[in-house]
Amino acid sequence: MSEKTLTPPPHTEPAAFTRDQLDWLPWLEPVAEETLTARQRESLVDAARAKSAYFRLLARDPDILEARTRTDKDIFYNPQAGLPRAERELAAAATSRLNGCIYCASVHARHAAVYSKRDGDVQKLLDQGVRADLDTRWNAIIAAAAALTAIPIDFGPEHIDRLRSAGLDDLAIVDVINAASFFNWANRLMLSLGEPATTAG
């Protein structure tokens, strides 16, 4: 497997934040699907992720990939109390919008729109950024995610108070913090390993 930087094939970069399905092109060679070891396949957690160049690239270090994926799943797929899935996705979309990760923003904005059925508000976040005025609850979630993204130590009691005033309990507030913090890391990883592309057709 080559350690040289790849030159992506000719492609069109997305010109704006979108909820459309995008491709992602790696700058390092992923593990070929047919050569994944048993340990690498196990680290994917979901077998379908073997089709993803991103996850096959991360499979170069299966221990870290497995820890990353199980953390991701526990934050976004855990149905025990806390935020509704739509608002966990909203926090991830806001973080990705502020970090400039068009690929991650597309995925999580799409999920936020599907689970909330608030397509217009989610699109407003993508179009106008984290200062978009949505409603009291979503504004509080986005403001908290933005504070954690821009300068994490600026996140403080005023953000917690605003979230509580918007109706979030302790577990819901932890979900906002976890979703935004995870994507602060995940955005930086994805932005440093490849680039988004519009899908053909």
C-alpha atoms as a PDB file:
ATOM      1  CA  MET A   1       0.000   0.000   0.000  1.00  0.00           C
ATOM      2  CA  SER A   2       1.461   3.325  -1.092  1.00  0.00           C
ATOM      3  CA  GLU A   3       2.367   5.989   1.471  1.00  0.00           C
ATOM      4  CA  LYS A   4       2.541   8.669  -1.222  1.00  0.00           C
ATOM      5  CA  THR A   5      -0.037  11.420  -1.464  1.00  0.00           C
ATOM      6  CA  LEU A   6      -2.671  10.672  -4.106  1.00  0.00           C
ATOM      7  CA  THR A   7      -3.806  13.074  -6.795  1.00  0.00           C
ATOM      8  CA  PRO A   8      -7.624  12.858  -6.906  1.00  0.00           C
ATOM      9  CA  PRO A   9      -9.194  12.110 -10.285  1.00  0.00           C
ATOM     10  CA  PRO A  10     -10.907  14.981 -12.137  1.00  0.00           C
ATOM     11  CA  HIS A  11     -13.965  16.003 -10.151  1.00  0.00           C
ATOM     12  CA  THR A  12     -16.237  18.912  -9.319  1.00  0.00           C
ATOM     13  CA  GLU A  13     -15.957  20.413  -5.861  1.00  0.00           C
ATOM     14  CA  PRO A  14     -19.245  21.437  -4.260  1.00  0.00           C
ATOM     15  CA  ALA A  15     -19.628  25.214  -4.507  1.00  0.00           C
ATOM     16  CA  ALA A  16     -21.784  25.626  -1.398  1.00  0.00           C
ATOM     17  CA  PHE A  17     -22.996  23.791   1.682  1.00  0.00           C
ATOM     18  CA  THR A  18     -25.634  21.303   0.650  1.00  0.00           C
ATOM     19  CA  ARG A  19     -27.771  18.415   1.880  1.00  0.00           C
ATOM     20  CA  ASP A  20     -27.050  16.521  -1.332  1.00  0.00           C
ATOM     21  CA  GLN A  21     -25.172  13.228  -1.240  1.00  0.00           C
ATOM     22  CA  LEU A  22     -21.469  13.906  -1.879  1.00  0.00           C
ATOM     23  CA  ASP A  23     -18.429  11.810  -2.657  1.00  0.00           C
ATOM     24  CA  TRP A  24     -15.194  12.038  -0.707  1.00  0.00           C
ATOM     25  CA  LEU A  25     -11.794  11.567  -2.347  1.00  0.00           C
ATOM     26  CA  PRO A  26      -8.842  10.493  -0.166  1.00  0.00           C
ATOM     27  CA  TRP A  27      -5.343  11.924  -0.423  1.00  0.00           C
ATOM     28  CA  LEU A  28      -3.831   8.690   0.909  1.00  0.00           C
ATOM     29  CA  GLU A  29      -4.478   5.204  -0.367  1.00  0.00           C
ATOM     30  CA  PRO A  30      -7.237   3.377   1.534  1.00  0.00           C
ATOM     31  CA  VAL A  31      -6.931  -0.319   2.242  1.00  0.00           C
ATOM     32  CA  ALA A  32      -8.411  -2.159  -0.753  1.00  0.00           C
ATOM     33  CA  GLU A  33     -11.714  -3.750   0.185  1.00  0.00           C
ATOM     34  CA  GLU A  34     -10.587  -7.203  -0.919  1.00  0.00           C
ATOM     35  CA  THR A  35      -7.437  -7.028   1.226  1.00  0.00           C
ATOM     36  CA  LEU A  36      -9.055  -5.960   4.501  1.00  0.00           C
ATOM     37  CA  THR A  37      -7.908  -8.276   7.291  1.00  0.00           C
ATOM     38  CA  ALA A  38     -10.351  -9.842   9.733  1.00  0.00           C
ATOM     39  CA  ARG A  39      -9.277  -7.308  12.368  1.00  0.00           C
ATOM     40  CA  GLN A  40      -9.784  -4.386   9.977  1.00  0.00           C
ATOM     41  CA  ARG A  41     -13.274  -5.644   9.059  1.00  0.00           C
ATOM     42  CA  GLU A  42     -14.120  -5.987  12.731  1.00  0.00           C
ATOM     43  CA  SER A  43     -12.950  -2.404  13.366  1.00  0.00           C
ATOM     44  CA  LEU A  44     -15.463  -1.089  10.818  1.00  0.00           C
ATOM     45  CA  VAL A  45     -18.250  -2.251  13.189  1.00  0.00           C
ATOM     46  CA  ASP A  46     -20.740  -2.044  10.284  1.00  0.00           C
ATOM     47  CA  ALA A  47     -19.796  -4.336   7.390  1.00  0.00           C
ATOM     48  CA  ALA A  48     -21.270  -1.874   4.875  1.00  0.00           C
ATOM     49  CA  ARG A  49     -18.524   0.625   5.752  1.00  0.00           C
ATOM     50  CA  ALA A  50     -16.085  -1.543   3.785  1.00  0.00           C
ATOM     51  CA  LYS A  51     -17.482   0.265   0.715  1.00  0.00           C
ATOM     52  CA  SER A  52     -16.344   3.646   2.089  1.00  0.00           C
ATOM     53  CA  ALA A  53     -12.883   4.923   1.103  1.00  0.00           C
ATOM     54  CA  TYR A  54     -12.848   7.047   4.265  1.00  0.00           C
ATOM     55  CA  PHE A  55     -13.391   4.141   6.633  1.00  0.00           C
ATOM     56  CA  ARG A  56     -11.005   1.905   4.692  1.00  0.00           C
ATOM     57  CA  LEU A  57      -8.379   4.627   5.028  1.00  0.00           C
ATOM     58  CA  LEU A  58      -8.958   4.800   8.790  1.00  0.00           C
ATOM     59  CA  ALA A  59      -8.766   0.979   8.867  1.00  0.00           C
ATOM     60  CA  ARG A  60      -4.998   1.347   8.523  1.00  0.00           C
ATOM     61  CA  ASP A  61      -5.192   1.676  12.331  1.00  0.00           C
ATOM     62  CA  PRO A  62      -8.041  -0.650  13.314  1.00  0.00           C
ATOM     63  CA  ASP A  63      -7.829  -0.078  17.063  1.00  0.00           C
ATOM     64  CA  ILE A  64      -8.335   3.678  16.684  1.00  0.00           C
ATOM     65  CA  LEU A  65     -11.022   3.196  14.028  1.00  0.00           C
ATOM     66  CA  GLU A  66     -13.019   0.864  16.249  1.00  0.00           C
ATOM     67  CA  ALA A  67     -12.789   3.253  19.224  1.00  0.00           C
ATOM     68  CA  ARG A  68     -13.801   6.152  16.969  1.00  0.00           C
ATOM     69  CA  THR A  69     -16.771   4.300  15.510  1.00  0.00           C
ATOM     70  CA  ARG A  70     -18.119   2.983  18.799  1.00  0.00           C
ATOM     71  CA  THR A  71     -17.894   6.507  20.272  1.00  0.00           C
ATOM     72  CA  ASP A  72     -19.712   7.916  17.225  1.00  0.00           C
ATOM     73  CA  LYS A  73     -22.474   5.325  17.515  1.00  0.00           C
ATOM     74  CA  ASP A  74     -22.949   5.860  21.228  1.00  0.00           C
ATOM     75  CA  ILE A  75     -23.320   9.613  20.743  1.00  0.00           C
ATOM     76  CA  PHE A  76     -25.689   9.534  17.770  1.00  0.00           C
ATOM     77  CA  TYR A  77     -27.546   6.209  17.968  1.00  0.00           C
ATOM     78  CA  ASN A  78     -28.048   5.773  21.721  1.00  0.00           C
ATOM     79  CA  PRO A  79     -31.824   6.061  22.266  1.00  0.00           C
ATOM     80  CA  GLN A  80     -31.623   6.184  26.080  1.00  0.00           C
ATOM     81  CA  ALA A  81     -32.823   9.670  27.125  1.00  0.00           C
ATOM     82  CA  GLY A  82     -31.009  12.858  26.139  1.00  0.00           C
ATOM     83  CA  LEU A  83     -31.595  14.753  22.912  1.00  0.00           C
ATOM     84  CA  PRO A  84     -33.738  13.480  20.062  1.00  0.00           C
ATOM     85  CA  ARG A  85     -31.595  12.171  17.198  1.00  0.00           C
ATOM     86  CA  ALA A  86     -32.521  15.204  15.077  1.00  0.00           C
ATOM     87  CA  GLU A  87     -30.929  17.623  17.522  1.00  0.00           C
ATOM     88  CA  ARG A  88     -27.775  15.561  17.965  1.00  0.00           C
ATOM     89  CA  GLU A  89     -27.466  15.750  14.180  1.00  0.00           C
ATOM     90  CA  LEU A  90     -28.209  19.486  14.319  1.00  0.00           C
ATOM     91  CA  ALA A  91     -25.267  20.034  16.710  1.00  0.00           C
ATOM     92  CA  ALA A  92     -22.992  18.035  14.375  1.00  0.00           C
ATOM     93  CA  ALA A  93     -24.238  19.958  11.328  1.00  0.00           C
ATOM     94  CA  ALA A  94     -23.667  23.328  13.037  1.00  0.00           C
ATOM     95  CA  THR A  95     -20.155  22.297  14.080  1.00  0.00           C
ATOM     96  CA  SER A  96     -19.369  21.085  10.559  1.00  0.00           C
ATOM     97  CA  ARG A  97     -20.806  24.278   9.034  1.00  0.00           C
ATOM     98  CA  LEU A  98     -18.582  26.444  11.213  1.00  0.00           C
ATOM     99  CA  ASN A  99     -15.497  24.281  10.598  1.00  0.00           C
ATOM    100  CA  GLY A 100     -16.071  24.393   6.839  1.00  0.00           C
ATOM    101  CA  CYS A 101     -16.413  20.627   6.432  1.00  0.00           C
ATOM    102  CA  ILE A 102     -18.814  20.518   3.482  1.00  0.00           C
ATOM    103  CA  TYR A 103     -18.900  16.714   3.417  1.00  0.00           C
ATOM    104  CA  CYS A 104     -19.744  16.252   7.124  1.00  0.00           C
ATOM    105  CA  ALA A 105     -22.223  19.152   7.020  1.00  0.00           C
ATOM    106  CA  SER A 106     -24.034  17.500   4.113  1.00  0.00           C
ATOM    107  CA  VAL A 107     -24.398  14.197   5.961  1.00  0.00           C
ATOM    108  CA  HIS A 108     -25.565  15.604   9.277  1.00  0.00           C
ATOM    109  CA  ALA A 109     -27.757  18.351   7.844  1.00  0.00           C
ATOM    110  CA  ARG A 110     -29.481  15.675   5.775  1.00  0.00           C
ATOM    111  CA  HIS A 111     -30.036  13.556   8.899  1.00  0.00           C
ATOM    112  CA  ALA A 112     -31.203  16.587  10.921  1.00  0.00           C
ATOM    113  CA  ALA A 113     -33.734  17.448   8.218  1.00  0.00           C
ATOM    114  CA  VAL A 114     -35.005  13.874   7.907  1.00  0.00           C
ATOM    115  CA  TYR A 115     -35.438  13.296  11.647  1.00  0.00           C
ATOM    116  CA  SER A 116     -36.828  16.771  12.464  1.00  0.00           C
ATOM    117  CA  LYS A 117     -38.838  17.290   9.261  1.00  0.00           C
ATOM    118  CA  ARG A 118     -37.640  20.905   9.399  1.00  0.00           C
ATOM    119  CA  ASP A 119     -35.960  21.036   5.995  1.00  0.00           C
ATOM    120  CA  GLY A 120     -36.282  24.818   5.703  1.00  0.00           C
ATOM    121  CA  ASP A 121     -34.612  25.529   9.042  1.00  0.00           C
ATOM    122  CA  VAL A 122     -31.776  23.089   8.366  1.00  0.00           C
ATOM    123  CA  GLN A 123     -31.208  24.638   4.940  1.00  0.00           C
ATOM    124  CA  LYS A 124     -31.208  28.090   6.572  1.00  0.00           C
ATOM    125  CA  LEU A 125     -28.378  26.907   8.845  1.00  0.00           C
ATOM    126  CA  LEU A 126     -26.399  25.746   5.810  1.00  0.00           C
ATOM    127  CA  ASP A 127     -27.099  28.945   3.852  1.00  0.00           C
ATOM    128  CA  GLN A 128     -26.643  31.521   6.611  1.00  0.00           C
ATOM    129  CA  GLY A 129     -24.299  29.732   9.014  1.00  0.00           C
ATOM    130  CA  VAL A 130     -24.445  29.395  12.777  1.00  0.00           C
ATOM    131  CA  ARG A 131     -25.974  32.872  13.242  1.00  0.00           C
ATOM    132  CA  ALA A 132     -29.150  31.822  11.428  1.00  0.00           C
ATOM    133  CA  ASP A 133     -32.234  32.607  13.517  1.00  0.00           C
ATOM    134  CA  LEU A 134     -34.316  29.417  13.800  1.00  0.00           C
ATOM    135  CA  ASP A 135     -36.124  29.133  17.143  1.00  0.00           C
ATOM    136  CA  THR A 136     -35.228  29.428  20.819  1.00  0.00           C
ATOM    137  CA  ARG A 137     -34.294  25.769  21.290  1.00  0.00           C
ATOM    138  CA  TRP A 138     -32.355  25.294  18.054  1.00  0.00           C
ATOM    139  CA  ASN A 139     -30.627  28.663  18.458  1.00  0.00           C
ATOM    140  CA  ALA A 140     -29.424  27.566  21.918  1.00  0.00           C
ATOM    141  CA  ILE A 141     -28.126  24.226  20.599  1.00  0.00           C
ATOM    142  CA  ILE A 142     -26.338  25.878  17.690  1.00  0.00           C
ATOM    143  CA  ALA A 143     -24.849  28.597  19.914  1.00  0.00           C
ATOM    144  CA  ALA A 144     -23.465  25.958  22.286  1.00  0.00           C
ATOM    145  CA  ALA A 145     -22.033  23.917  19.396  1.00  0.00           C
ATOM    146  CA  ALA A 146     -20.498  27.064  17.882  1.00  0.00           C
ATOM    147  CA  ALA A 147     -18.877  28.079  21.161  1.00  0.00           C
ATOM    148  CA  LEU A 148     -17.336  24.622  21.573  1.00  0.00           C
ATOM    149  CA  THR A 149     -16.124  24.794  17.976  1.00  0.00           C
ATOM    150  CA  ALA A 150     -14.618  28.284  17.873  1.00  0.00           C
ATOM    151  CA  ILE A 151     -12.910  28.520  21.277  1.00  0.00           C
ATOM    152  CA  PRO A 152     -13.895  25.610  23.522  1.00  0.00           C
ATOM    153  CA  ILE A 153     -12.956  27.370  26.762  1.00  0.00           C
ATOM    154  CA  ASP A 154     -15.487  30.096  25.867  1.00  0.00           C
ATOM    155  CA  PHE A 155     -18.254  27.521  26.365  1.00  0.00           C
ATOM    156  CA  GLY A 156     -19.518  28.242  29.841  1.00  0.00           C
ATOM    157  CA  PRO A 157     -22.393  28.687  32.291  1.00  0.00           C
ATOM    158  CA  GLU A 158     -24.255  31.087  30.011  1.00  0.00           C
ATOM    159  CA  HIS A 159     -24.516  28.376  27.346  1.00  0.00           C
ATOM    160  CA  ILE A 160     -25.711  25.822  29.908  1.00  0.00           C
ATOM    161  CA  ASP A 161     -28.278  28.305  31.238  1.00  0.00           C
ATOM    162  CA  ARG A 162     -29.516  29.045  27.726  1.00  0.00           C
ATOM    163  CA  LEU A 163     -29.879  25.324  26.978  1.00  0.00           C
ATOM    164  CA  ARG A 164     -31.772  24.764  30.238  1.00  0.00           C
ATOM    165  CA  SER A 165     -34.049  27.710  29.486  1.00  0.00           C
ATOM    166  CA  ALA A 166     -34.772  26.138  26.092  1.00  0.00           C
ATOM    167  CA  GLY A 167     -35.962  22.969  27.825  1.00  0.00           C
ATOM    168  CA  LEU A 168     -32.882  20.695  27.758  1.00  0.00           C
ATOM    169  CA  ASP A 169     -32.148  18.527  30.800  1.00  0.00           C
ATOM    170  CA  ASP A 170     -28.704  17.388  31.928  1.00  0.00           C
ATOM    171  CA  LEU A 171     -28.552  14.369  29.606  1.00  0.00           C
ATOM    172  CA  ALA A 172     -29.659  16.441  26.619  1.00  0.00           C
ATOM    173  CA  ILE A 173     -26.977  19.034  27.369  1.00  0.00           C
ATOM    174  CA  VAL A 174     -24.353  16.266  27.536  1.00  0.00           C
ATOM    175  CA  ASP A 175     -25.530  15.101  24.108  1.00  0.00           C
ATOM    176  CA  VAL A 176     -25.039  18.615  22.658  1.00  0.00           C
ATOM    177  CA  ILE A 177     -21.530  18.749  24.110  1.00  0.00           C
ATOM    178  CA  ASN A 178     -20.653  15.225  22.902  1.00  0.00           C
ATOM    179  CA  ALA A 179     -22.028  15.718  19.368  1.00  0.00           C
ATOM    180  CA  ALA A 180     -20.264  19.061  18.880  1.00  0.00           C
ATOM    181  CA  SER A 181     -16.998  17.927  20.458  1.00  0.00           C
ATOM    182  CA  PHE A 182     -16.859  14.691  18.471  1.00  0.00           C
ATOM    183  CA  PHE A 183     -17.368  16.556  15.210  1.00  0.00           C
ATOM    184  CA  ASN A 184     -14.792  19.166  16.074  1.00  0.00           C
ATOM    185  CA  TRP A 185     -12.339  16.290  15.971  1.00  0.00           C
ATOM    186  CA  ALA A 186     -13.979  14.378  13.111  1.00  0.00           C
ATOM    187  CA  ASN A 187     -14.135  17.461  10.847  1.00  0.00           C
ATOM    188  CA  ARG A 188     -10.449  18.137  11.293  1.00  0.00           C
ATOM    189  CA  LEU A 189      -9.576  14.515  10.558  1.00  0.00           C
ATOM    190  CA  MET A 190     -11.689  14.406   7.390  1.00  0.00           C
ATOM    191  CA  LEU A 191     -10.492  17.824   6.173  1.00  0.00           C
ATOM    192  CA  SER A 192      -6.869  16.722   6.521  1.00  0.00           C
ATOM    193  CA  LEU A 193      -7.262  13.399   4.687  1.00  0.00           C
ATOM    194  CA  GLY A 194      -9.187  14.237   1.509  1.00  0.00           C
ATOM    195  CA  GLU A 195     -11.728  16.454  -0.208  1.00  0.00           C
ATOM    196  CA  PRO A 196     -15.441  16.421  -1.093  1.00  0.00           C
ATOM    197  CA  ALA A 197     -16.756  16.033  -4.621  1.00  0.00           C
ATOM    198  CA  THR A 198     -20.167  16.217  -6.181  1.00  0.00           C
ATOM    199  CA  THR A 199     -21.495  12.846  -7.200  1.00  0.00           C
ATOM    200  CA  ALA A 200     -21.607  11.975 -10.870  1.00  0.00           C
ATOM    201  CA  GLY A 201     -24.964  12.384 -12.530  1.00  0.00           C
END
